[in-house]
Amino acid sequence: MVNSMQTFKQPLTKEMELYYLKRSKEGDLSARNLLVEYNLRLVAHIIKKYNNFERDMDDLISIGTIGLIKAINTYDIEKGNRLVTYASRCIENELLMMLRKEKKNAKEFSLYEPIGTDKEGNEITLLDIVESDGTDISEQIIFHDNVKQLHLFIKEHLDTRENEILTLRYGLTGMSPFTQKEVADKLHISRSYVSRIEKKALLKLKRAFDSFSS
């Protein structure tokens, strides 16, 4: 396992990167492997935030490298962006899929396991009664990644009115959420119109996330 960033090769120049990308697209495996080798520094950089004492760095490097290989194989040269930009997202996606799979398959007892019920019959978890700053790192990463992706999808897929209504309804800029009636009064439109726009906007975001996760 490589432990120092200095042991990774320096990135290729833009011209050399393009040359080997074209060779790789033509089926040259040696060109693809060279691109992987020269971009391992990027993998090592990204996995830092996914590392904790319970994770094996070699496993993280392997998973990140899978994302890098997928990026090289699917990269569109015609778009003109540097490989590093596209590869970063592919590497992140591969690591996040690993985290989601771990959460889905985990059988160990956790702070989120119900340990009883309160007087009203609601489930109580350890998280409800134990003060802890040690929030699961995978939950933190997935949450912050989804928030970042949400704002990106809002910008890419919603029009101005949809953006405005969702921002008010869910307090997306840090303010307190508004009810549909409060949004309607503020924007001088009907409550039913707010409801229709909200549902339409949420459906767009759902489709965007479904496409992103597939």
N, C-alpha and C. Protein backbone atom coordinates (compact mmCIF):
# COMPACT_ATOMS: atom_id res chain seq x y z
N MET A 1 0.85 -1.20 0.00
CA MET A 1 0.00 0.00 0.00
C MET A 1 0.88 1.25 0.00
N VAL A 2 0.56 2.24 -0.82
CA VAL A 2 1.33 3.47 -0.89
C VAL A 2 0.83 4.42 0.19
N ASN A 3 1.74 4.92 1.04
CA ASN A 3 1.32 5.72 2.18
C ASN A 3 1.56 7.21 2.01
N SER A 4 2.30 7.62 1.03
CA SER A 4 2.63 9.03 0.89
C SER A 4 2.21 9.55 -0.47
N MET A 5 1.66 10.78 -0.46
CA MET A 5 1.24 11.39 -1.72
C MET A 5 2.44 11.59 -2.65
N GLN A 6 3.67 11.71 -2.06
CA GLN A 6 4.84 11.96 -2.87
C GLN A 6 5.22 10.74 -3.73
N THR A 7 4.73 9.56 -3.35
CA THR A 7 5.08 8.36 -4.11
C THR A 7 4.22 8.21 -5.36
N PHE A 8 3.15 9.01 -5.48
CA PHE A 8 2.33 8.96 -6.68
C PHE A 8 2.95 9.83 -7.77
N LYS A 9 2.73 9.43 -9.01
CA LYS A 9 3.28 10.19 -10.12
C LYS A 9 2.53 11.52 -10.29
N GLN A 10 3.25 12.50 -10.77
CA GLN A 10 2.64 13.79 -11.04
C GLN A 10 1.64 13.66 -12.20
N PRO A 11 0.54 14.46 -12.20
CA PRO A 11 -0.46 14.36 -13.27
C PRO A 11 0.15 14.61 -14.65
N LEU A 12 -0.47 14.00 -15.64
CA LEU A 12 -0.04 14.23 -17.02
C LEU A 12 -0.39 15.63 -17.47
N THR A 13 0.32 16.13 -18.47
CA THR A 13 -0.07 17.40 -19.07
C THR A 13 -1.38 17.20 -19.83
N LYS A 14 -2.06 18.26 -20.14
CA LYS A 14 -3.33 18.17 -20.85
C LYS A 14 -3.15 17.47 -22.19
N GLU A 15 -2.04 17.78 -22.87
CA GLU A 15 -1.79 17.19 -24.19
C GLU A 15 -1.54 15.69 -24.09
N MET A 16 -0.71 15.28 -23.11
CA MET A 16 -0.42 13.86 -22.95
C MET A 16 -1.65 13.10 -22.49
N GLU A 17 -2.44 13.72 -21.61
CA GLU A 17 -3.68 13.08 -21.15
C GLU A 17 -4.60 12.81 -22.33
N LEU A 18 -4.76 13.80 -23.20
CA LEU A 18 -5.63 13.63 -24.36
C LEU A 18 -5.11 12.54 -25.29
N TYR A 19 -3.81 12.49 -25.46
CA TYR A 19 -3.19 11.47 -26.31
C TYR A 19 -3.51 10.07 -25.80
N TYR A 20 -3.32 9.84 -24.53
CA TYR A 20 -3.56 8.50 -23.97
C TYR A 20 -5.06 8.19 -23.87
N LEU A 21 -5.89 9.21 -23.68
CA LEU A 21 -7.33 8.97 -23.68
C LEU A 21 -7.79 8.47 -25.05
N LYS A 22 -7.26 9.08 -26.10
CA LYS A 22 -7.61 8.64 -27.45
C LYS A 22 -7.13 7.21 -27.70
N ARG A 23 -5.91 6.91 -27.23
CA ARG A 23 -5.38 5.55 -27.39
C ARG A 23 -6.24 4.56 -26.61
N SER A 24 -6.66 4.95 -25.42
CA SER A 24 -7.50 4.08 -24.59
C SER A 24 -8.84 3.82 -25.25
N LYS A 25 -9.43 4.87 -25.85
CA LYS A 25 -10.71 4.71 -26.54
C LYS A 25 -10.60 3.75 -27.72
N GLU A 26 -9.40 3.65 -28.27
CA GLU A 26 -9.17 2.76 -29.41
C GLU A 26 -8.89 1.33 -28.96
N GLY A 27 -8.93 1.10 -27.64
CA GLY A 27 -8.75 -0.25 -27.13
C GLY A 27 -7.37 -0.57 -26.61
N ASP A 28 -6.52 0.44 -26.48
CA ASP A 28 -5.17 0.23 -25.99
C ASP A 28 -5.18 0.14 -24.46
N LEU A 29 -5.08 -1.09 -23.93
CA LEU A 29 -5.14 -1.29 -22.48
C LEU A 29 -3.95 -0.68 -21.77
N SER A 30 -2.80 -0.67 -22.42
CA SER A 30 -1.61 -0.09 -21.79
C SER A 30 -1.80 1.42 -21.59
N ALA A 31 -2.49 2.06 -22.53
CA ALA A 31 -2.79 3.49 -22.39
C ALA A 31 -3.75 3.72 -21.24
N ARG A 32 -4.76 2.86 -21.14
CA ARG A 32 -5.72 2.98 -20.03
C ARG A 32 -5.02 2.79 -18.69
N ASN A 33 -4.17 1.76 -18.61
CA ASN A 33 -3.46 1.49 -17.36
C ASN A 33 -2.53 2.64 -16.98
N LEU A 34 -1.95 3.26 -17.97
CA LEU A 34 -1.08 4.40 -17.70
C LEU A 34 -1.89 5.57 -17.14
N LEU A 35 -3.09 5.79 -17.70
CA LEU A 35 -3.97 6.85 -17.20
C LEU A 35 -4.37 6.58 -15.74
N VAL A 36 -4.63 5.31 -15.45
CA VAL A 36 -4.94 4.94 -14.07
C VAL A 36 -3.76 5.26 -13.16
N GLU A 37 -2.59 4.85 -13.58
CA GLU A 37 -1.38 5.04 -12.78
C GLU A 37 -1.13 6.52 -12.48
N TYR A 38 -1.31 7.36 -13.47
CA TYR A 38 -1.04 8.79 -13.30
C TYR A 38 -2.16 9.54 -12.60
N ASN A 39 -3.27 8.87 -12.33
CA ASN A 39 -4.38 9.53 -11.62
C ASN A 39 -4.64 8.91 -10.24
N LEU A 40 -3.75 8.02 -9.79
CA LEU A 40 -3.92 7.44 -8.46
C LEU A 40 -3.79 8.49 -7.36
N ARG A 41 -3.06 9.57 -7.64
CA ARG A 41 -2.96 10.66 -6.68
C ARG A 41 -4.35 11.24 -6.39
N LEU A 42 -5.19 11.33 -7.43
CA LEU A 42 -6.56 11.83 -7.27
C LEU A 42 -7.37 10.89 -6.39
N VAL A 43 -7.25 9.58 -6.63
CA VAL A 43 -7.94 8.59 -5.80
C VAL A 43 -7.54 8.74 -4.34
N ALA A 44 -6.23 8.83 -4.09
CA ALA A 44 -5.73 8.94 -2.72
C ALA A 44 -6.25 10.21 -2.05
N HIS A 45 -6.36 11.27 -2.81
CA HIS A 45 -6.86 12.54 -2.26
C HIS A 45 -8.33 12.43 -1.86
N ILE A 46 -9.14 11.81 -2.71
CA ILE A 46 -10.58 11.73 -2.46
C ILE A 46 -10.90 10.79 -1.30
N ILE A 47 -10.17 9.68 -1.18
CA ILE A 47 -10.53 8.71 -0.14
C ILE A 47 -10.19 9.19 1.26
N LYS A 48 -9.44 10.27 1.38
CA LYS A 48 -9.08 10.77 2.71
C LYS A 48 -10.31 11.02 3.57
N LYS A 49 -11.36 11.61 2.98
CA LYS A 49 -12.53 11.94 3.80
C LYS A 49 -13.41 10.73 4.08
N TYR A 50 -13.13 9.60 3.43
CA TYR A 50 -13.88 8.37 3.69
C TYR A 50 -13.14 7.45 4.66
N ASN A 51 -11.97 7.87 5.08
CA ASN A 51 -11.15 7.00 5.92
C ASN A 51 -11.42 7.23 7.40
N ASN A 52 -11.54 6.15 8.14
CA ASN A 52 -11.49 6.21 9.60
C ASN A 52 -10.74 4.98 10.08
N PHE A 53 -10.62 4.83 11.36
CA PHE A 53 -9.78 3.77 11.89
C PHE A 53 -10.33 2.37 11.62
N GLU A 54 -11.60 2.26 11.22
CA GLU A 54 -12.19 0.96 10.98
C GLU A 54 -12.09 0.54 9.52
N ARG A 55 -11.55 1.40 8.68
CA ARG A 55 -11.50 1.10 7.26
C ARG A 55 -10.08 0.77 6.81
N ASP A 56 -9.99 -0.18 5.91
CA ASP A 56 -8.71 -0.56 5.34
C ASP A 56 -8.41 0.34 4.15
N MET A 57 -7.27 1.02 4.20
CA MET A 57 -6.93 1.97 3.14
C MET A 57 -6.76 1.28 1.79
N ASP A 58 -6.25 0.05 1.82
CA ASP A 58 -6.08 -0.68 0.56
C ASP A 58 -7.43 -0.93 -0.10
N ASP A 59 -8.44 -1.24 0.73
CA ASP A 59 -9.79 -1.47 0.18
C ASP A 59 -10.33 -0.18 -0.42
N LEU A 60 -10.14 0.93 0.28
CA LEU A 60 -10.62 2.22 -0.23
C LEU A 60 -9.93 2.59 -1.54
N ILE A 61 -8.62 2.36 -1.60
CA ILE A 61 -7.88 2.62 -2.84
C ILE A 61 -8.44 1.77 -3.97
N SER A 62 -8.71 0.49 -3.68
CA SER A 62 -9.24 -0.42 -4.71
C SER A 62 -10.59 0.04 -5.22
N ILE A 63 -11.47 0.43 -4.30
CA ILE A 63 -12.80 0.88 -4.69
C ILE A 63 -12.71 2.19 -5.47
N GLY A 64 -11.87 3.10 -4.99
CA GLY A 64 -11.69 4.37 -5.71
C GLY A 64 -11.12 4.15 -7.09
N THR A 65 -10.21 3.18 -7.22
CA THR A 65 -9.60 2.89 -8.52
C THR A 65 -10.63 2.31 -9.50
N ILE A 66 -11.58 1.54 -8.98
CA ILE A 66 -12.67 1.04 -9.84
C ILE A 66 -13.43 2.23 -10.44
N GLY A 67 -13.72 3.22 -9.59
CA GLY A 67 -14.40 4.42 -10.09
C GLY A 67 -13.57 5.16 -11.11
N LEU A 68 -12.25 5.20 -10.90
CA LEU A 68 -11.34 5.86 -11.85
C LEU A 68 -11.35 5.14 -13.19
N ILE A 69 -11.30 3.81 -13.16
CA ILE A 69 -11.32 3.03 -14.41
C ILE A 69 -12.63 3.25 -15.17
N LYS A 70 -13.75 3.28 -14.43
CA LYS A 70 -15.05 3.55 -15.06
C LYS A 70 -15.04 4.93 -15.72
N ALA A 71 -14.41 5.89 -15.04
CA ALA A 71 -14.33 7.25 -15.60
C ALA A 71 -13.55 7.27 -16.90
N ILE A 72 -12.41 6.58 -16.91
CA ILE A 72 -11.58 6.54 -18.12
C ILE A 72 -12.33 5.85 -19.26
N ASN A 73 -13.06 4.79 -18.94
CA ASN A 73 -13.77 4.03 -19.98
C ASN A 73 -14.96 4.78 -20.54
N THR A 74 -15.56 5.67 -19.76
CA THR A 74 -16.79 6.35 -20.20
C THR A 74 -16.59 7.83 -20.48
N TYR A 75 -15.40 8.32 -20.30
CA TYR A 75 -15.12 9.76 -20.49
C TYR A 75 -15.36 10.17 -21.94
N ASP A 76 -16.04 11.29 -22.11
CA ASP A 76 -16.34 11.82 -23.44
C ASP A 76 -15.33 12.92 -23.79
N ILE A 77 -14.41 12.60 -24.67
CA ILE A 77 -13.36 13.53 -25.05
C ILE A 77 -13.93 14.79 -25.67
N GLU A 78 -15.05 14.65 -26.38
CA GLU A 78 -15.62 15.78 -27.12
C GLU A 78 -16.12 16.90 -26.20
N LYS A 79 -16.40 16.59 -24.94
CA LYS A 79 -16.92 17.62 -24.03
C LYS A 79 -15.86 18.65 -23.64
N GLY A 80 -14.60 18.25 -23.78
CA GLY A 80 -13.53 19.22 -23.58
C GLY A 80 -13.08 19.45 -22.15
N ASN A 81 -13.76 18.85 -21.16
CA ASN A 81 -13.34 19.02 -19.77
C ASN A 81 -12.15 18.12 -19.46
N ARG A 82 -11.39 18.49 -18.43
CA ARG A 82 -10.29 17.63 -18.01
C ARG A 82 -10.83 16.35 -17.39
N LEU A 83 -10.08 15.29 -17.55
CA LEU A 83 -10.48 13.99 -17.00
C LEU A 83 -10.67 14.07 -15.49
N VAL A 84 -9.84 14.84 -14.81
CA VAL A 84 -9.89 14.90 -13.35
C VAL A 84 -11.26 15.33 -12.83
N THR A 85 -11.93 16.23 -13.55
CA THR A 85 -13.24 16.70 -13.12
C THR A 85 -14.27 15.59 -13.17
N TYR A 86 -14.30 14.87 -14.28
CA TYR A 86 -15.24 13.76 -14.45
C TYR A 86 -14.88 12.59 -13.54
N ALA A 87 -13.58 12.29 -13.45
CA ALA A 87 -13.13 11.16 -12.65
C ALA A 87 -13.44 11.36 -11.17
N SER A 88 -13.34 12.58 -10.69
CA SER A 88 -13.62 12.86 -9.28
C SER A 88 -15.03 12.43 -8.91
N ARG A 89 -15.98 12.75 -9.79
CA ARG A 89 -17.37 12.38 -9.52
C ARG A 89 -17.55 10.86 -9.57
N CYS A 90 -16.91 10.20 -10.52
CA CYS A 90 -17.02 8.73 -10.63
C CYS A 90 -16.42 8.04 -9.42
N ILE A 91 -15.30 8.55 -8.94
CA ILE A 91 -14.66 7.97 -7.76
C ILE A 91 -15.55 8.16 -6.54
N GLU A 92 -16.08 9.37 -6.39
CA GLU A 92 -16.99 9.66 -5.27
C GLU A 92 -18.21 8.73 -5.33
N ASN A 93 -18.78 8.55 -6.51
CA ASN A 93 -19.96 7.69 -6.67
C ASN A 93 -19.65 6.25 -6.24
N GLU A 94 -18.48 5.76 -6.62
CA GLU A 94 -18.12 4.38 -6.28
C GLU A 94 -17.98 4.21 -4.77
N LEU A 95 -17.38 5.20 -4.12
CA LEU A 95 -17.21 5.14 -2.67
C LEU A 95 -18.55 5.26 -1.95
N LEU A 96 -19.42 6.12 -2.45
CA LEU A 96 -20.74 6.28 -1.84
C LEU A 96 -21.58 5.03 -2.00
N MET A 97 -21.47 4.36 -3.14
CA MET A 97 -22.19 3.10 -3.32
C MET A 97 -21.71 2.06 -2.32
N MET A 98 -20.41 2.06 -2.05
CA MET A 98 -19.86 1.16 -1.05
C MET A 98 -20.43 1.46 0.33
N LEU A 99 -20.52 2.74 0.68
CA LEU A 99 -21.05 3.13 1.98
C LEU A 99 -22.52 2.74 2.12
N ARG A 100 -23.29 2.98 1.05
CA ARG A 100 -24.72 2.63 1.11
C ARG A 100 -24.90 1.12 1.24
N LYS A 101 -24.07 0.36 0.55
CA LYS A 101 -24.15 -1.10 0.63
C LYS A 101 -23.80 -1.57 2.04
N GLU A 102 -22.79 -0.94 2.64
CA GLU A 102 -22.41 -1.29 4.00
C GLU A 102 -23.55 -1.02 4.98
N LYS A 103 -24.20 0.13 4.81
CA LYS A 103 -25.30 0.48 5.70
C LYS A 103 -26.47 -0.48 5.54
N LYS A 104 -26.71 -0.89 4.31
CA LYS A 104 -27.83 -1.79 4.03
C LYS A 104 -27.58 -3.18 4.60
N ASN A 105 -26.33 -3.63 4.54
CA ASN A 105 -26.01 -4.99 4.96
C ASN A 105 -25.57 -5.11 6.42
N ALA A 106 -25.37 -3.98 7.07
CA ALA A 106 -24.86 -4.01 8.44
C ALA A 106 -25.85 -4.70 9.37
N LYS A 107 -25.33 -5.59 10.22
CA LYS A 107 -26.17 -6.32 11.17
C LYS A 107 -25.86 -5.94 12.62
N GLU A 108 -24.77 -5.16 12.82
CA GLU A 108 -24.36 -4.87 14.18
C GLU A 108 -25.35 -3.92 14.86
N PHE A 109 -25.36 -3.97 16.19
CA PHE A 109 -26.20 -3.09 16.98
C PHE A 109 -25.65 -1.68 16.87
N SER A 110 -26.50 -0.71 16.71
CA SER A 110 -26.05 0.66 16.53
C SER A 110 -26.90 1.62 17.36
N LEU A 111 -26.49 2.86 17.33
CA LEU A 111 -27.24 3.90 18.05
C LEU A 111 -28.65 4.06 17.51
N TYR A 112 -28.89 3.58 16.29
CA TYR A 112 -30.20 3.76 15.67
C TYR A 112 -31.15 2.59 15.94
N GLU A 113 -30.66 1.53 16.61
CA GLU A 113 -31.51 0.39 16.90
C GLU A 113 -32.52 0.74 18.00
N PRO A 114 -33.79 0.41 17.83
CA PRO A 114 -34.77 0.66 18.89
C PRO A 114 -34.49 -0.21 20.11
N ILE A 115 -34.57 0.40 21.31
CA ILE A 115 -34.30 -0.36 22.53
C ILE A 115 -35.51 -0.38 23.45
N GLY A 116 -36.61 0.22 23.01
CA GLY A 116 -37.82 0.23 23.82
C GLY A 116 -38.80 1.26 23.29
N THR A 117 -39.83 1.55 24.06
CA THR A 117 -40.82 2.54 23.66
C THR A 117 -41.07 3.50 24.82
N ASP A 118 -41.51 4.72 24.47
CA ASP A 118 -41.84 5.68 25.51
C ASP A 118 -43.31 5.52 25.92
N LYS A 119 -43.80 6.43 26.75
CA LYS A 119 -45.16 6.30 27.27
C LYS A 119 -46.21 6.39 26.16
N GLU A 120 -45.86 7.08 25.07
CA GLU A 120 -46.80 7.21 23.95
C GLU A 120 -46.67 6.08 22.95
N GLY A 121 -45.78 5.14 23.22
CA GLY A 121 -45.61 4.01 22.30
C GLY A 121 -44.61 4.26 21.19
N ASN A 122 -43.91 5.39 21.22
CA ASN A 122 -42.91 5.70 20.20
C ASN A 122 -41.60 4.98 20.51
N GLU A 123 -40.94 4.49 19.46
CA GLU A 123 -39.68 3.79 19.66
C GLU A 123 -38.61 4.72 20.21
N ILE A 124 -37.78 4.18 21.10
CA ILE A 124 -36.65 4.91 21.65
C ILE A 124 -35.37 4.23 21.19
N THR A 125 -34.43 5.01 20.72
CA THR A 125 -33.13 4.47 20.32
C THR A 125 -32.07 4.97 21.29
N LEU A 126 -30.90 4.33 21.23
CA LEU A 126 -29.79 4.80 22.06
C LEU A 126 -29.44 6.25 21.75
N LEU A 127 -29.64 6.63 20.48
CA LEU A 127 -29.32 7.99 20.08
C LEU A 127 -30.19 9.00 20.82
N ASP A 128 -31.40 8.58 21.23
CA ASP A 128 -32.30 9.47 21.94
C ASP A 128 -31.86 9.73 23.38
N ILE A 129 -31.10 8.83 23.97
CA ILE A 129 -30.79 8.97 25.39
C ILE A 129 -29.31 9.11 25.69
N VAL A 130 -28.46 8.95 24.67
CA VAL A 130 -27.02 9.08 24.87
C VAL A 130 -26.51 10.28 24.09
N GLU A 131 -25.85 11.20 24.75
CA GLU A 131 -25.25 12.33 24.05
C GLU A 131 -23.95 11.86 23.42
N SER A 132 -23.81 12.12 22.12
CA SER A 132 -22.61 11.66 21.44
C SER A 132 -22.31 12.56 20.27
N ASP A 133 -21.02 12.88 20.12
CA ASP A 133 -20.58 13.66 18.95
C ASP A 133 -20.08 12.74 17.85
N GLY A 134 -20.08 11.45 18.12
CA GLY A 134 -19.51 10.50 17.16
C GLY A 134 -20.50 10.00 16.15
N THR A 135 -21.15 10.91 15.43
CA THR A 135 -22.09 10.50 14.40
C THR A 135 -21.39 9.66 13.35
N ASP A 136 -22.07 8.62 12.89
CA ASP A 136 -21.51 7.71 11.89
C ASP A 136 -20.97 8.51 10.71
N ILE A 137 -19.68 8.32 10.38
CA ILE A 137 -19.05 9.10 9.32
C ILE A 137 -19.71 8.86 7.97
N SER A 138 -20.17 7.62 7.74
CA SER A 138 -20.81 7.33 6.45
C SER A 138 -22.12 8.10 6.32
N GLU A 139 -22.86 8.24 7.44
CA GLU A 139 -24.10 9.02 7.41
C GLU A 139 -23.79 10.48 7.11
N GLN A 140 -22.73 11.00 7.72
CA GLN A 140 -22.34 12.39 7.49
C GLN A 140 -22.01 12.62 6.02
N ILE A 141 -21.20 11.73 5.47
CA ILE A 141 -20.77 11.89 4.08
C ILE A 141 -21.94 11.82 3.12
N ILE A 142 -22.80 10.81 3.31
CA ILE A 142 -23.95 10.64 2.43
C ILE A 142 -24.89 11.83 2.55
N PHE A 143 -25.12 12.29 3.80
CA PHE A 143 -26.02 13.43 4.00
C PHE A 143 -25.49 14.68 3.30
N HIS A 144 -24.23 15.01 3.56
CA HIS A 144 -23.67 16.23 2.96
C HIS A 144 -23.58 16.12 1.45
N ASP A 145 -23.29 14.92 0.94
CA ASP A 145 -23.24 14.74 -0.50
C ASP A 145 -24.62 14.92 -1.13
N ASN A 146 -25.65 14.39 -0.45
CA ASN A 146 -27.02 14.53 -0.97
C ASN A 146 -27.49 15.98 -0.93
N VAL A 147 -27.10 16.72 0.12
CA VAL A 147 -27.47 18.14 0.20
C VAL A 147 -26.83 18.90 -0.94
N LYS A 148 -25.54 18.64 -1.18
CA LYS A 148 -24.83 19.30 -2.27
C LYS A 148 -25.47 18.95 -3.61
N GLN A 149 -25.81 17.66 -3.78
CA GLN A 149 -26.41 17.23 -5.03
C GLN A 149 -27.81 17.82 -5.20
N LEU A 150 -28.54 17.95 -4.09
CA LEU A 150 -29.88 18.54 -4.14
C LEU A 150 -29.83 19.96 -4.70
N HIS A 151 -28.93 20.77 -4.17
CA HIS A 151 -28.83 22.16 -4.64
C HIS A 151 -28.41 22.21 -6.11
N LEU A 152 -27.56 21.27 -6.51
CA LEU A 152 -27.15 21.23 -7.91
C LEU A 152 -28.34 20.87 -8.81
N PHE A 153 -29.14 19.88 -8.39
CA PHE A 153 -30.30 19.47 -9.18
C PHE A 153 -31.36 20.57 -9.23
N ILE A 154 -31.53 21.29 -8.13
CA ILE A 154 -32.48 22.41 -8.11
C ILE A 154 -32.09 23.43 -9.17
N LYS A 155 -30.79 23.72 -9.23
CA LYS A 155 -30.29 24.69 -10.19
C LYS A 155 -30.44 24.19 -11.63
N GLU A 156 -30.21 22.88 -11.83
CA GLU A 156 -30.20 22.32 -13.18
C GLU A 156 -31.59 21.99 -13.72
N HIS A 157 -32.53 21.57 -12.84
CA HIS A 157 -33.78 20.98 -13.31
C HIS A 157 -35.04 21.80 -13.01
N LEU A 158 -34.95 22.76 -12.10
CA LEU A 158 -36.15 23.51 -11.74
C LEU A 158 -36.13 24.91 -12.35
N ASP A 159 -37.32 25.39 -12.71
CA ASP A 159 -37.40 26.76 -13.18
C ASP A 159 -37.46 27.71 -11.98
N THR A 160 -37.51 29.01 -12.26
CA THR A 160 -37.43 30.01 -11.19
C THR A 160 -38.57 29.87 -10.19
N ARG A 161 -39.79 29.66 -10.67
CA ARG A 161 -40.95 29.56 -9.78
C ARG A 161 -40.87 28.30 -8.91
N GLU A 162 -40.48 27.18 -9.51
CA GLU A 162 -40.35 25.93 -8.75
C GLU A 162 -39.27 26.06 -7.67
N ASN A 163 -38.17 26.67 -8.05
CA ASN A 163 -37.08 26.91 -7.11
C ASN A 163 -37.55 27.77 -5.94
N GLU A 164 -38.26 28.84 -6.27
CA GLU A 164 -38.74 29.78 -5.25
C GLU A 164 -39.68 29.09 -4.26
N ILE A 165 -40.60 28.29 -4.78
CA ILE A 165 -41.60 27.64 -3.92
C ILE A 165 -40.94 26.59 -3.04
N LEU A 166 -40.06 25.76 -3.58
CA LEU A 166 -39.40 24.75 -2.76
C LEU A 166 -38.51 25.39 -1.71
N THR A 167 -37.83 26.47 -2.07
CA THR A 167 -36.97 27.16 -1.12
C THR A 167 -37.76 27.67 0.08
N LEU A 168 -38.94 28.24 -0.19
CA LEU A 168 -39.79 28.74 0.89
C LEU A 168 -40.42 27.60 1.69
N ARG A 169 -40.90 26.57 0.98
CA ARG A 169 -41.60 25.48 1.65
C ARG A 169 -40.70 24.70 2.60
N TYR A 170 -39.42 24.50 2.21
CA TYR A 170 -38.54 23.64 2.98
C TYR A 170 -37.36 24.37 3.63
N GLY A 171 -37.40 25.70 3.58
CA GLY A 171 -36.35 26.48 4.25
C GLY A 171 -34.96 26.17 3.75
N LEU A 172 -34.80 26.08 2.44
CA LEU A 172 -33.53 25.63 1.86
C LEU A 172 -32.39 26.64 1.99
N THR A 173 -32.71 27.87 2.36
CA THR A 173 -31.65 28.86 2.54
C THR A 173 -31.39 29.13 4.02
N GLY A 174 -31.90 28.24 4.88
CA GLY A 174 -31.66 28.38 6.31
C GLY A 174 -32.79 29.02 7.09
N MET A 175 -33.80 29.53 6.39
CA MET A 175 -34.95 30.13 7.07
C MET A 175 -35.91 29.04 7.52
N SER A 176 -36.90 29.42 8.32
CA SER A 176 -37.91 28.46 8.76
C SER A 176 -38.82 28.10 7.59
N PRO A 177 -39.23 26.83 7.48
CA PRO A 177 -40.12 26.41 6.38
C PRO A 177 -41.46 27.12 6.46
N PHE A 178 -42.05 27.39 5.31
CA PHE A 178 -43.37 28.01 5.21
C PHE A 178 -44.41 26.92 4.93
N THR A 179 -45.63 27.13 5.37
CA THR A 179 -46.74 26.27 4.96
C THR A 179 -47.12 26.65 3.54
N GLN A 180 -47.91 25.80 2.89
CA GLN A 180 -48.37 26.13 1.53
C GLN A 180 -49.18 27.41 1.53
N LYS A 181 -50.00 27.60 2.55
CA LYS A 181 -50.81 28.83 2.62
C LYS A 181 -49.93 30.06 2.78
N GLU A 182 -48.88 29.94 3.60
CA GLU A 182 -47.97 31.07 3.80
C GLU A 182 -47.23 31.39 2.51
N VAL A 183 -46.84 30.36 1.78
CA VAL A 183 -46.17 30.59 0.49
C VAL A 183 -47.13 31.27 -0.48
N ALA A 184 -48.37 30.78 -0.52
CA ALA A 184 -49.38 31.35 -1.41
C ALA A 184 -49.61 32.83 -1.10
N ASP A 185 -49.72 33.15 0.18
CA ASP A 185 -49.95 34.54 0.58
C ASP A 185 -48.75 35.42 0.21
N LYS A 186 -47.57 34.90 0.41
CA LYS A 186 -46.35 35.67 0.14
C LYS A 186 -46.18 35.94 -1.35
N LEU A 187 -46.52 34.95 -2.18
CA LEU A 187 -46.33 35.08 -3.62
C LEU A 187 -47.59 35.56 -4.35
N HIS A 188 -48.69 35.75 -3.56
CA HIS A 188 -49.96 36.24 -4.13
C HIS A 188 -50.50 35.30 -5.20
N ILE A 189 -50.46 34.00 -4.89
CA ILE A 189 -51.02 32.99 -5.77
C ILE A 189 -51.88 32.06 -4.92
N SER A 190 -52.63 31.16 -5.57
CA SER A 190 -53.52 30.28 -4.82
C SER A 190 -52.74 29.14 -4.16
N ARG A 191 -53.30 28.61 -3.08
CA ARG A 191 -52.68 27.50 -2.38
C ARG A 191 -52.62 26.26 -3.26
N SER A 192 -53.67 26.03 -4.06
CA SER A 192 -53.70 24.87 -4.94
C SER A 192 -52.60 24.96 -6.00
N TYR A 193 -52.31 26.18 -6.45
CA TYR A 193 -51.24 26.37 -7.43
C TYR A 193 -49.87 26.06 -6.79
N VAL A 194 -49.69 26.48 -5.54
CA VAL A 194 -48.47 26.18 -4.82
C VAL A 194 -48.30 24.66 -4.71
N SER A 195 -49.40 23.97 -4.37
CA SER A 195 -49.36 22.52 -4.22
C SER A 195 -48.97 21.83 -5.52
N ARG A 196 -49.55 22.28 -6.64
CA ARG A 196 -49.24 21.68 -7.94
C ARG A 196 -47.77 21.88 -8.31
N ILE A 197 -47.29 23.10 -8.11
CA ILE A 197 -45.90 23.41 -8.45
C ILE A 197 -44.94 22.62 -7.57
N GLU A 198 -45.28 22.52 -6.28
CA GLU A 198 -44.44 21.78 -5.34
C GLU A 198 -44.33 20.31 -5.75
N LYS A 199 -45.47 19.69 -6.06
CA LYS A 199 -45.46 18.28 -6.45
C LYS A 199 -44.67 18.07 -7.74
N LYS A 200 -44.84 18.98 -8.68
CA LYS A 200 -44.12 18.89 -9.95
C LYS A 200 -42.61 19.00 -9.73
N ALA A 201 -42.21 19.94 -8.88
CA ALA A 201 -40.80 20.16 -8.61
C ALA A 201 -40.18 18.96 -7.89
N LEU A 202 -40.90 18.42 -6.91
CA LEU A 202 -40.40 17.26 -6.17
C LEU A 202 -40.25 16.04 -7.07
N LEU A 203 -41.18 15.90 -8.01
CA LEU A 203 -41.10 14.79 -8.96
C LEU A 203 -39.86 14.93 -9.84
N LYS A 204 -39.57 16.14 -10.27
CA LYS A 204 -38.37 16.39 -11.07
C LYS A 204 -37.10 16.01 -10.29
N LEU A 205 -37.07 16.39 -9.03
CA LEU A 205 -35.91 16.10 -8.20
C LEU A 205 -35.78 14.60 -7.95
N LYS A 206 -36.92 13.93 -7.75
CA LYS A 206 -36.89 12.48 -7.54
C LYS A 206 -36.31 11.78 -8.76
N ARG A 207 -36.76 12.20 -9.94
CA ARG A 207 -36.26 11.59 -11.17
C ARG A 207 -34.76 11.85 -11.32
N ALA A 208 -34.33 13.05 -10.95
CA ALA A 208 -32.91 13.40 -11.06
C ALA A 208 -32.07 12.52 -10.14
N PHE A 209 -32.54 12.33 -8.89
CA PHE A 209 -31.81 11.50 -7.94
C PHE A 209 -31.82 10.03 -8.37
N ASP A 210 -32.97 9.57 -8.89
CA ASP A 210 -33.05 8.17 -9.35
C ASP A 210 -32.06 7.92 -10.48
N SER A 211 -31.98 8.89 -11.40
CA SER A 211 -31.07 8.76 -12.53
C SER A 211 -29.63 8.82 -12.05
N PHE A 212 -29.36 9.69 -11.07
CA PHE A 212 -28.02 9.85 -10.52
C PHE A 212 -27.54 8.59 -9.81
N SER A 213 -28.48 7.90 -9.13
CA SER A 213 -28.12 6.73 -8.31
C SER A 213 -28.05 5.45 -9.12
N SER A 214 -28.66 5.45 -10.33
CA SER A 214 -28.71 4.21 -11.11
C SER A 214 -27.40 3.92 -11.79
